[in-house]
C-alpha atoms as a PDB file:
ATOM      1  CA  MET A   1       6.847   3.398 -24.899  1.00  0.00           C
ATOM      2  CA  ARG A   2       4.356   4.956 -27.210  1.00  0.00           C
ATOM      3  CA  LEU A   3       4.042   8.688 -27.487  1.00  0.00           C
ATOM      4  CA  TRP A   4       0.203   8.880 -26.350  1.00  0.00           C
ATOM      5  CA  LEU A   5       0.932   6.923 -23.440  1.00  0.00           C
ATOM      6  CA  ARG A   6       3.445   9.268 -22.283  1.00  0.00           C
ATOM      7  CA  TRP A   7       1.421  11.801 -22.897  1.00  0.00           C
ATOM      8  CA  SER A   8      -1.729  10.987 -21.212  1.00  0.00           C
ATOM      9  CA  ALA A   9       0.223   9.738 -18.298  1.00  0.00           C
ATOM     10  CA  TRP A  10       1.880  13.517 -18.191  1.00  0.00           C
ATOM     11  CA  LEU A  11      -1.733  15.146 -18.414  1.00  0.00           C
ATOM     12  CA  CYS A  12      -2.952  12.905 -15.491  1.00  0.00           C
ATOM     13  CA  LEU A  13       0.078  14.135 -12.681  1.00  0.00           C
ATOM     14  CA  SER A  14      -0.204  17.282 -13.960  1.00  0.00           C
ATOM     15  CA  LEU A  15      -4.358  17.393 -13.423  1.00  0.00           C
ATOM     16  CA  VAL A  16      -3.728  15.481 -10.466  1.00  0.00           C
ATOM     17  CA  PHE A  17      -0.841  17.911  -9.188  1.00  0.00           C
ATOM     18  CA  TRP A  18      -3.180  20.925  -9.986  1.00  0.00           C
ATOM     19  CA  THR A  19      -5.859  19.527  -8.421  1.00  0.00           C
ATOM     20  CA  ALA A  20      -4.178  18.981  -5.474  1.00  0.00           C
ATOM     21  CA  ALA A  21      -3.392  22.327  -5.217  1.00  0.00           C
ATOM     22  CA  ALA A  22      -6.493  24.317  -6.130  1.00  0.00           C
ATOM     23  CA  GLU A  23      -7.918  22.096  -3.440  1.00  0.00           C
ATOM     24  CA  SER A  24      -5.655  23.098  -0.419  1.00  0.00           C
ATOM     25  CA  THR A  25      -4.939  27.025  -1.141  1.00  0.00           C
ATOM     26  CA  HIS A  26      -8.796  27.765  -2.111  1.00  0.00           C
ATOM     27  CA  ASN A  27     -10.515  30.421   0.235  1.00  0.00           C
ATOM     28  CA  HIS A  28     -14.071  31.695   0.213  1.00  0.00           C
ATOM     29  CA  PRO A  29     -14.822  35.160   0.484  1.00  0.00           C
ATOM     30  CA  ASN A  30     -18.009  34.974   3.271  1.00  0.00           C
ATOM     31  CA  PRO A  31     -18.845  31.783   5.337  1.00  0.00           C
ATOM     32  CA  VAL A  32     -21.836  31.425   3.615  1.00  0.00           C
ATOM     33  CA  LYS A  33     -20.221  30.277   0.566  1.00  0.00           C
ATOM     34  CA  ALA A  34     -17.903  28.239   2.643  1.00  0.00           C
ATOM     35  CA  ALA A  35     -21.330  26.685   4.343  1.00  0.00           C
ATOM     36  CA  SER A  36     -22.172  25.288   0.631  1.00  0.00           C
ATOM     37  CA  CYS A  37     -18.669  24.073  -0.661  1.00  0.00           C
ATOM     38  CA  SER A  38     -18.448  20.387  -1.148  1.00  0.00           C
ATOM     39  CA  ILE A  39     -14.710  20.409  -0.596  1.00  0.00           C
ATOM     40  CA  CYS A  40     -14.789  22.504   2.524  1.00  0.00           C
ATOM     41  CA  VAL A  41     -17.913  20.745   4.578  1.00  0.00           C
ATOM     42  CA  ALA A  42     -15.401  17.762   3.821  1.00  0.00           C
ATOM     43  CA  ALA A  43     -13.008  19.263   5.052  1.00  0.00           C
ATOM     44  CA  HIS A  44     -14.642  20.409   8.182  1.00  0.00           C
ATOM     45  CA  SER A  45     -15.847  17.413   9.043  1.00  0.00           C
ATOM     46  CA  SER A  46     -15.773  16.047  12.416  1.00  0.00           C
ATOM     47  CA  SER A  47     -14.439  13.031  12.001  1.00  0.00           C
ATOM     48  CA  PRO A  48     -14.740   9.290  14.113  1.00  0.00           C
ATOM     49  CA  THR A  49     -12.959   9.087  17.130  1.00  0.00           C
ATOM     50  CA  ALA A  50     -11.993   6.206  18.498  1.00  0.00           C
ATOM     51  CA  SER A  51     -13.512   4.895  21.799  1.00  0.00           C
ATOM     52  CA  SER A  52     -12.200   1.583  24.172  1.00  0.00           C
ATOM     53  CA  SER A  53     -14.577   0.571  26.703  1.00  0.00           C
ATOM     54  CA  ARG A  54     -11.203  -1.018  28.698  1.00  0.00           C
ATOM     55  CA  THR A  55      -8.950   1.001  30.438  1.00  0.00           C
ATOM     56  CA  GLN A  56      -6.147  -1.621  31.433  1.00  0.00           C
ATOM     57  CA  PRO A  57      -4.875  -4.371  28.436  1.00  0.00           C
ATOM     58  CA  VAL A  58      -5.891  -8.157  29.503  1.00  0.00           C
ATOM     59  CA  PHE A  59      -2.943 -10.532  28.714  1.00  0.00           C
ATOM     60  CA  ALA A  60      -3.525 -13.723  28.142  1.00  0.00           C
ATOM     61  CA  THR A  61      -2.116 -16.744  26.864  1.00  0.00           C
ATOM     62  CA  VAL A  62      -2.821 -17.912  23.702  1.00  0.00           C
ATOM     63  CA  GLY A  63      -0.745 -20.977  23.549  1.00  0.00           C
ATOM     64  CA  VAL A  64       2.481 -22.950  24.424  1.00  0.00           C
ATOM     65  CA  LEU A  65       5.079 -22.946  21.611  1.00  0.00           C
ATOM     66  CA  ARG A  66       6.214 -26.519  21.528  1.00  0.00           C
ATOM     67  CA  ASP A  67       9.663 -27.166  19.833  1.00  0.00           C
ATOM     68  CA  GLU A  68      10.345 -29.771  18.055  1.00  0.00           C
ATOM     69  CA  GLU A  69      13.325 -31.272  17.001  1.00  0.00           C
ATOM     70  CA  VAL A  70      13.492 -31.289  12.945  1.00  0.00           C
ATOM     71  CA  LEU A  71      16.001 -33.651  11.459  1.00  0.00           C
ATOM     72  CA  ALA A  72      16.930 -33.092   7.738  1.00  0.00           C
ATOM     73  CA  LYS A  73      18.581 -35.350   5.423  1.00  0.00           C
ATOM     74  CA  ALA A  74      21.147 -34.136   3.467  1.00  0.00           C
ATOM     75  CA  GLU A  75      21.572 -35.481   0.246  1.00  0.00           C
ATOM     76  CA  PHE A  76      24.781 -34.664  -2.318  1.00  0.00           C
ATOM     77  CA  ASP A  77      25.176 -36.029  -5.174  1.00  0.00           C
ATOM     78  CA  ALA A  78      28.608 -34.999  -7.307  1.00  0.00           C
ATOM     79  CA  SER A  79      27.475 -36.970 -10.392  1.00  0.00           C
ATOM     80  CA  SER A  80      24.249 -34.630 -11.587  1.00  0.00           C
ATOM     81  CA  LEU A  81      26.922 -31.052 -11.199  1.00  0.00           C
ATOM     82  CA  GLY A  82      28.986 -31.836 -14.252  1.00  0.00           C
ATOM     83  CA  ILE A  83      27.141 -33.327 -16.716  1.00  0.00           C
ATOM     84  CA  ARG A  84      25.246 -31.637 -19.654  1.00  0.00           C
ATOM     85  CA  GLY A  85      22.911 -33.124 -22.046  1.00  0.00           C
ATOM     86  CA  PRO A  86      23.948 -33.786 -25.342  1.00  0.00           C
ATOM     87  CA  PRO A  87      23.745 -31.140 -28.155  1.00  0.00           C
ATOM     88  CA  ALA A  88      20.811 -30.686 -29.980  1.00  0.00           C
ATOM     89  CA  ALA A  89      20.798 -32.419 -33.640  1.00  0.00           C
ATOM     90  CA  LEU A  90      19.463 -30.118 -36.182  1.00  0.00           C
END
């Protein structure tokens, strides 16, 4: 692997690691600054909740499985197993 590719990969991985560490451990001295921080706003925003109008599951038949008998014709040709072509002429 080329040296510059290895160093750029390590740089990217370290940037991801340090960014994740900074986002997860940062704090604000007062709530006013936390209200304007984009990281805090995204972390504390309400996520949508899943809702459903049905309380009971509905079971319905989708289709009927019909088994069909499959017969495969086995073919074994022993003569093609040990034959090799002639060597290539130089």
